[in-house]
Structure formats: structure tokens, C-alpha cells
Amino acid sequence: MKVKKKKIGSVIMIFAILLSVIAPVLTATYQSKSYLETT
């Protein structure tokens, strides 16, 4: 049980790191895409 809980915690940590890295990239691509559409 302890190992499983630790594993879930590490998975959440990795997911949070991935999200913090991917989120700005996604927003940047979305902004540039909308900018290209408006022009």
C-alpha cells in the first residue's frame, strides 16, 4: 500500500511538471494561431 501511494505521488509530480512545461507551449501556439487568423 505504501509503495502504491508513493508511485501515485511520483506520477502526479511528473504529470504536474509535464503540464507546467506543455501549458505555456500550448498557449503560445494557440495565441500565434489566432494571431495568424486575425491578420
N, C-alpha and C. Protein backbone atom coordinates (compact mmCIF):
# COMPACT_ATOMS: atom_id res chain seq x y z
N MET A 1 0.84 -1.21 0.00
CA MET A 1 0.00 0.00 0.00
C MET A 1 0.87 1.26 0.00
N LYS A 2 1.92 1.24 0.83
CA LYS A 2 2.81 2.40 0.90
C LYS A 2 3.49 2.66 -0.44
N VAL A 3 3.96 1.57 -1.06
CA VAL A 3 4.66 1.69 -2.35
C VAL A 3 3.72 2.25 -3.40
N LYS A 4 2.48 1.75 -3.40
CA LYS A 4 1.49 2.18 -4.39
C LYS A 4 1.22 3.68 -4.24
N LYS A 5 1.07 4.12 -2.99
CA LYS A 5 0.79 5.54 -2.73
C LYS A 5 1.96 6.40 -3.20
N LYS A 6 3.18 5.92 -2.95
CA LYS A 6 4.37 6.66 -3.37
C LYS A 6 4.43 6.74 -4.89
N LYS A 7 4.09 5.64 -5.55
CA LYS A 7 4.10 5.60 -7.02
C LYS A 7 3.11 6.61 -7.58
N ILE A 8 1.91 6.66 -7.00
CA ILE A 8 0.87 7.60 -7.45
C ILE A 8 1.38 9.03 -7.26
N GLY A 9 2.04 9.29 -6.15
CA GLY A 9 2.56 10.62 -5.88
C GLY A 9 3.59 11.04 -6.91
N SER A 10 4.49 10.12 -7.27
CA SER A 10 5.51 10.42 -8.28
C SER A 10 4.88 10.66 -9.64
N VAL A 11 3.83 9.90 -9.94
CA VAL A 11 3.12 10.06 -11.22
C VAL A 11 2.47 11.44 -11.28
N ILE A 12 1.87 11.86 -10.16
CA ILE A 12 1.25 13.19 -10.09
C ILE A 12 2.31 14.27 -10.26
N MET A 13 3.47 14.06 -9.64
CA MET A 13 4.58 15.03 -9.76
C MET A 13 5.02 15.16 -11.21
N ILE A 14 5.23 14.04 -11.88
CA ILE A 14 5.64 14.03 -13.29
C ILE A 14 4.57 14.70 -14.14
N PHE A 15 3.30 14.40 -13.87
CA PHE A 15 2.19 14.99 -14.62
C PHE A 15 2.16 16.50 -14.44
N ALA A 16 2.39 16.96 -13.20
CA ALA A 16 2.40 18.39 -12.91
C ALA A 16 3.54 19.09 -13.65
N ILE A 17 4.72 18.46 -13.67
CA ILE A 17 5.87 19.02 -14.38
C ILE A 17 5.59 19.09 -15.87
N LEU A 18 5.04 18.01 -16.42
CA LEU A 18 4.70 17.99 -17.85
C LEU A 18 3.69 19.08 -18.17
N LEU A 19 2.70 19.24 -17.30
CA LEU A 19 1.65 20.25 -17.52
C LEU A 19 2.25 21.65 -17.51
N SER A 20 3.14 21.91 -16.56
CA SER A 20 3.77 23.23 -16.46
C SER A 20 4.65 23.52 -17.66
N VAL A 21 5.17 22.47 -18.30
CA VAL A 21 6.02 22.65 -19.49
C VAL A 21 5.16 22.78 -20.75
N ILE A 22 4.12 21.94 -20.84
CA ILE A 22 3.28 21.91 -22.05
C ILE A 22 2.32 23.10 -22.10
N ALA A 23 1.76 23.50 -20.95
CA ALA A 23 0.78 24.59 -20.91
C ALA A 23 1.25 25.86 -21.61
N PRO A 24 2.44 26.41 -21.29
CA PRO A 24 2.91 27.63 -21.97
C PRO A 24 3.08 27.43 -23.47
N VAL A 25 3.54 26.25 -23.86
CA VAL A 25 3.74 25.95 -25.29
C VAL A 25 2.40 25.95 -26.01
N LEU A 26 1.41 25.30 -25.40
CA LEU A 26 0.06 25.24 -25.99
C LEU A 26 -0.53 26.64 -26.11
N THR A 27 -0.41 27.44 -25.07
CA THR A 27 -0.95 28.80 -25.09
C THR A 27 -0.24 29.63 -26.14
N ALA A 28 1.07 29.46 -26.26
CA ALA A 28 1.84 30.21 -27.26
C ALA A 28 1.41 29.83 -28.67
N THR A 29 1.23 28.54 -28.91
CA THR A 29 0.80 28.09 -30.24
C THR A 29 -0.61 28.59 -30.54
N TYR A 30 -1.47 28.54 -29.53
CA TYR A 30 -2.86 29.00 -29.71
C TYR A 30 -2.89 30.49 -30.02
N GLN A 31 -2.10 31.27 -29.29
CA GLN A 31 -2.05 32.71 -29.49
C GLN A 31 -1.50 33.04 -30.88
N SER A 32 -0.45 32.37 -31.29
CA SER A 32 0.15 32.62 -32.60
C SER A 32 -0.83 32.22 -33.70
N LYS A 33 -1.56 31.12 -33.47
CA LYS A 33 -2.54 30.65 -34.46
C LYS A 33 -3.67 31.67 -34.61
N SER A 34 -4.19 32.16 -33.49
CA SER A 34 -5.26 33.15 -33.54
C SER A 34 -4.74 34.46 -34.14
N TYR A 35 -3.48 34.77 -33.86
CA TYR A 35 -2.86 35.99 -34.41
C TYR A 35 -2.76 35.88 -35.93
N LEU A 36 -2.39 34.72 -36.41
CA LEU A 36 -2.28 34.50 -37.86
C LEU A 36 -3.67 34.57 -38.51
N GLU A 37 -4.67 34.08 -37.81
CA GLU A 37 -6.04 34.09 -38.35
C GLU A 37 -6.58 35.52 -38.45
N THR A 38 -6.25 36.35 -37.47
CA THR A 38 -6.77 37.72 -37.46
C THR A 38 -6.12 38.57 -38.55
N THR A 39 -4.85 38.31 -38.84
CA THR A 39 -4.13 39.12 -39.84
C THR A 39 -4.45 38.68 -41.26
